[in-house]
Protein backbone atom coordinates (compact mmCIF):
# COMPACT_ATOMS: atom_id res chain seq x y z
CA MET A 1 61.99 -16.19 56.66
CA ASP A 2 60.03 -19.46 56.72
CA THR A 3 62.68 -21.90 57.92
CA ALA A 4 60.67 -25.14 57.94
CA ILE A 5 62.67 -28.14 56.75
CA GLU A 6 61.17 -29.23 53.45
CA GLY A 7 60.62 -32.81 52.45
CA LYS A 8 58.06 -35.22 51.06
CA ARG A 9 54.54 -34.01 51.76
CA PRO A 10 52.51 -36.30 54.01
CA GLU A 11 49.59 -38.22 52.57
CA GLN A 12 45.96 -37.21 52.94
CA PRO A 13 44.32 -35.63 54.89
CA VAL A 14 47.25 -33.22 55.27
CA GLU A 15 47.02 -32.24 51.59
CA ARG A 16 43.47 -31.11 52.22
CA GLN A 17 44.71 -28.98 55.12
CA PRO A 18 47.91 -27.26 53.94
CA ARG A 19 50.33 -25.78 56.43
CA GLN A 20 49.20 -22.44 57.74
CA VAL A 21 52.22 -21.55 59.86
CA HIS A 22 54.90 -19.04 58.84
CA THR A 23 58.13 -18.57 60.84
CA ILE A 24 59.77 -15.21 61.62
CA THR A 25 63.04 -15.13 63.56
CA ASP A 26 65.33 -12.21 64.35
CA ARG A 27 69.03 -12.97 64.24
CA PHE A 28 69.75 -11.55 67.70
CA SER A 29 67.36 -13.30 70.10
CA MET A 30 66.89 -16.40 67.89
CA ALA A 31 63.41 -16.90 69.35
CA ASN A 32 60.78 -17.90 66.81
CA THR A 33 57.63 -15.94 66.15
CA TYR A 34 54.88 -17.81 64.32
CA LEU A 35 52.11 -16.42 62.14
CA ILE A 36 49.10 -18.66 61.54
CA ASN A 37 47.69 -17.52 58.22
CA ASP A 38 43.94 -18.08 58.10
CA GLU A 39 40.91 -15.97 57.28
CA ARG A 40 41.77 -14.20 60.50
CA MET A 41 45.36 -14.59 61.67
CA ILE A 42 47.07 -15.56 64.92
CA VAL A 43 50.52 -14.48 66.09
CA VAL A 44 52.23 -16.89 68.49
CA ASP A 45 55.06 -15.48 70.64
CA PRO A 46 55.72 -11.99 69.19
CA GLY A 47 59.23 -12.18 70.63
CA SER A 48 61.30 -9.01 70.50
CA VAL A 49 60.23 -5.64 69.09
CA LEU A 50 62.48 -6.46 66.12
CA ASN A 51 60.60 -9.72 65.59
CA THR A 52 57.37 -7.72 65.60
CA GLN A 53 58.71 -5.33 62.96
CA LEU A 54 59.86 -8.26 60.81
CA LEU A 55 56.46 -9.90 61.25
CA LEU A 56 54.54 -6.82 60.08
CA SER A 57 56.84 -6.40 57.09
CA TYR A 58 56.45 -10.07 56.14
CA LEU A 59 52.70 -9.85 56.55
CA GLN A 60 52.34 -6.98 54.12
CA ARG A 61 55.12 -7.70 51.59
CA PHE A 62 54.75 -11.46 51.18
CA LEU A 63 51.20 -12.30 52.25
CA GLN A 64 49.55 -9.03 51.12
CA ARG A 65 47.62 -8.91 54.37
CA LYS A 66 46.94 -6.03 56.74
CA PRO A 67 47.92 -5.85 60.43
CA GLU A 68 44.22 -5.56 61.24
CA ASP A 69 43.76 -9.10 59.90
CA ILE A 70 45.46 -10.37 63.08
CA ASP A 71 42.78 -11.01 65.69
CA LEU A 72 44.69 -12.93 68.39
CA ILE A 73 48.15 -12.97 69.99
CA VAL A 74 49.06 -16.15 71.91
CA LEU A 75 51.97 -16.56 74.31
CA THR A 76 53.28 -20.09 74.83
CA HIS A 77 54.78 -18.87 78.12
CA LEU A 78 55.63 -15.58 79.79
CA HIS A 79 59.39 -15.33 79.30
CA PRO A 80 60.39 -11.90 77.90
CA ASP A 81 62.23 -13.31 74.87
CA HIS A 82 58.83 -14.54 73.67
CA SER A 83 56.62 -11.72 74.90
CA ALA A 84 58.56 -8.43 74.69
CA GLY A 85 56.88 -7.43 71.43
CA VAL A 86 53.30 -7.82 72.67
CA ASP A 87 52.61 -4.16 73.40
CA ALA A 88 54.08 -2.97 70.09
CA LEU A 89 52.03 -5.54 68.15
CA ARG A 90 48.85 -4.88 70.08
CA LYS A 91 49.06 -1.15 69.34
CA VAL A 92 49.12 -1.86 65.61
CA THR A 93 46.66 -4.75 65.42
CA HIS A 94 44.37 -4.07 68.43
CA ALA A 95 44.36 -7.85 68.93
CA PRO A 96 44.04 -9.27 72.46
CA ALA A 97 46.88 -11.25 74.03
CA ALA A 98 46.13 -14.72 75.41
CA ALA A 99 48.02 -17.15 77.66
CA TYR A 100 47.30 -20.32 79.64
CA SER A 101 45.20 -19.70 82.73
CA GLY A 102 46.65 -22.43 84.91
CA THR A 103 49.69 -20.56 86.25
CA PRO A 104 48.26 -19.11 89.49
CA ARG A 105 46.90 -22.54 90.47
CA LEU A 106 50.14 -24.45 89.88
CA LEU A 107 52.07 -22.91 92.78
CA ASP A 108 55.16 -22.23 90.70
CA PRO A 109 57.51 -19.60 92.19
CA LEU A 110 57.12 -17.54 89.01
CA ALA A 111 53.39 -17.21 89.67
CA THR A 112 54.00 -15.07 92.77
CA SER A 113 56.99 -13.10 91.54
CA ASP A 114 57.04 -9.44 90.52
CA GLU A 115 58.24 -10.47 87.05
CA TYR A 116 55.24 -12.75 86.60
CA GLU A 117 52.90 -9.98 87.70
CA ARG A 118 54.38 -7.62 85.12
CA GLN A 119 54.06 -10.22 82.39
CA ALA A 120 50.55 -11.21 83.44
CA GLN A 121 49.35 -7.62 83.11
CA MET A 122 49.78 -7.97 79.34
CA ILE A 123 47.19 -10.75 79.12
CA ASP A 124 43.63 -10.01 78.00
CA ILE A 125 42.36 -13.60 77.66
CA TRP A 126 43.22 -16.53 79.93
CA LEU A 127 42.98 -19.82 78.06
CA GLU A 128 41.87 -23.20 79.40
CA ASP A 129 43.39 -26.61 78.71
CA VAL A 130 41.93 -28.79 75.92
CA VAL A 131 39.84 -26.06 74.31
CA GLY A 132 40.00 -24.35 70.95
CA LEU A 133 41.36 -20.85 70.58
CA PRO A 134 38.74 -18.09 70.46
CA ASN A 135 37.46 -17.83 66.85
CA HIS A 136 40.05 -20.47 65.81
CA LEU A 137 38.59 -23.71 67.10
CA ASP A 138 40.83 -25.95 64.96
CA TRP A 139 43.77 -24.89 67.14
CA ARG A 140 43.59 -26.64 70.52
CA VAL A 141 45.31 -25.53 73.70
CA ILE A 142 47.47 -28.18 75.40
CA ALA A 143 48.61 -27.23 78.89
CA SER A 144 52.33 -28.08 78.97
CA PRO A 145 53.80 -27.38 82.42
CA GLY A 146 57.41 -28.29 82.96
CA HIS A 147 59.59 -25.68 81.28
CA THR A 148 57.41 -23.14 83.07
CA ALA A 149 54.16 -23.66 84.93
CA GLU A 150 52.19 -21.56 82.43
CA SER A 151 53.58 -23.18 79.28
CA LEU A 152 51.14 -24.20 76.56
CA CYS A 153 51.33 -25.84 73.16
CA LEU A 154 48.95 -25.36 70.24
CA TYR A 155 47.89 -28.36 68.19
CA ASN A 156 45.86 -28.60 65.00
CA PRO A 157 44.50 -32.17 64.70
CA PHE A 158 43.46 -31.58 61.09
CA SER A 159 46.81 -30.41 59.71
CA TYR A 160 48.95 -32.21 62.36
CA GLU A 161 50.85 -29.05 63.29
CA LEU A 162 52.25 -28.51 66.80
CA LEU A 163 53.58 -25.20 68.13
CA CYS A 164 55.41 -26.11 71.30
CA GLY A 165 57.09 -22.95 72.63
CA ASP A 166 60.14 -23.82 74.72
CA THR A 167 58.77 -27.19 75.84
CA LEU A 168 60.76 -28.62 72.91
CA ILE A 169 63.61 -26.94 71.04
CA THR A 170 65.64 -28.14 68.08
CA LEU A 171 69.37 -28.14 67.46
CA ASP A 172 71.34 -28.17 64.22
CA GLY A 173 70.94 -31.56 62.61
CA GLY A 174 67.33 -31.91 63.76
CA THR A 175 67.86 -33.09 67.35
CA ILE A 176 64.76 -32.37 69.45
CA LEU A 177 65.35 -31.59 73.12
CA ALA A 178 62.88 -31.50 75.98
CA ARG A 179 63.82 -28.30 77.74
CA GLY A 180 64.11 -28.58 81.51
CA GLY A 181 62.67 -25.99 83.80
CA THR A 182 60.57 -25.70 86.91
CA ASN A 183 59.37 -29.27 87.30
CA ARG A 184 60.89 -32.34 85.61
CA ARG A 185 58.00 -34.63 86.56
CA ARG A 186 55.46 -32.32 84.96
CA LEU A 187 57.71 -32.00 81.92
CA GLN A 188 57.84 -35.80 81.56
CA GLN A 189 54.04 -35.93 81.72
CA THR A 190 53.82 -33.17 79.11
CA ILE A 191 56.19 -34.98 76.73
CA GLN A 192 54.13 -38.17 77.09
CA THR A 193 51.03 -36.21 76.14
CA LEU A 194 52.71 -34.66 73.11
CA GLU A 195 54.15 -37.99 71.96
CA SER A 196 50.61 -39.41 71.88
CA LEU A 197 49.67 -36.90 69.16
CA LYS A 198 50.09 -37.34 65.44
CA VAL A 199 52.53 -34.56 64.52
CA TYR A 200 53.95 -33.95 61.04
CA TYR A 201 55.00 -30.33 61.55
CA LEU A 202 56.81 -29.29 64.73
CA TYR A 203 57.38 -25.61 65.44
CA PRO A 204 59.69 -25.00 68.45
CA GLY A 205 60.32 -21.77 70.33
CA HIS A 206 64.00 -21.94 69.37
CA GLY A 207 65.61 -23.74 66.45
CA ARG A 208 64.47 -24.91 63.05
CA PRO A 209 60.97 -26.30 62.54
CA ILE A 210 60.80 -29.99 61.70
CA LEU A 211 58.80 -31.65 58.92
CA SER A 212 58.58 -35.42 59.36
CA MET A 213 55.98 -38.18 59.32
CA ARG A 214 57.16 -38.93 62.89
CA ALA A 215 58.24 -35.50 64.10
CA LEU A 216 58.30 -36.50 67.80
CA ALA A 217 59.86 -39.94 67.39
CA ASN A 218 63.22 -39.09 68.98
CA VAL A 219 62.89 -36.54 71.76
CA GLU A 220 66.04 -36.31 73.89
CA TRP A 221 66.48 -34.96 77.43
């Protein structure tokens, strides 16, 4: 289920900080769910209920871990194809769900819609920009408005891994696309921020993960 494109491993310090991210994707929605495998685990974008079932099976069969080892669920944004499995996963793991706190202040139409209100009711922890995740301080929140106002990315500056939700998606052949949405100007600012980071492992919301010494070298619009 881990679909990362394999290649030459980057030089130190990446070898001291091996990849922690596992990819689970159901064949119907094609939205990626990510499992960060650490002492305590994080699920990013549970996706559909089927994705959640695949995740729990993968967790136990291949990693020999228990659902209770998951202590945090993070949503990169509040679209249902990334969040529909939250309730099912939370019932099994008892882990809180977290999302970026900036949405109500960004005056995006979604922030005042009934759909946003329904999605927001799932959130237990509102995250701030440029901070570490609760109990997982190596993973930093990067506010990424553009695709949606509440979009976030997660970046690990020690392993050079970036989980970018739908801010960036990949196509067959490895093309990386900046995904338009609510505000192109904000999206351009977000891409500039991401391109300033050293990224060897790119994990998009849709499409195959990318392994490259310059994973964000050729972002297309």
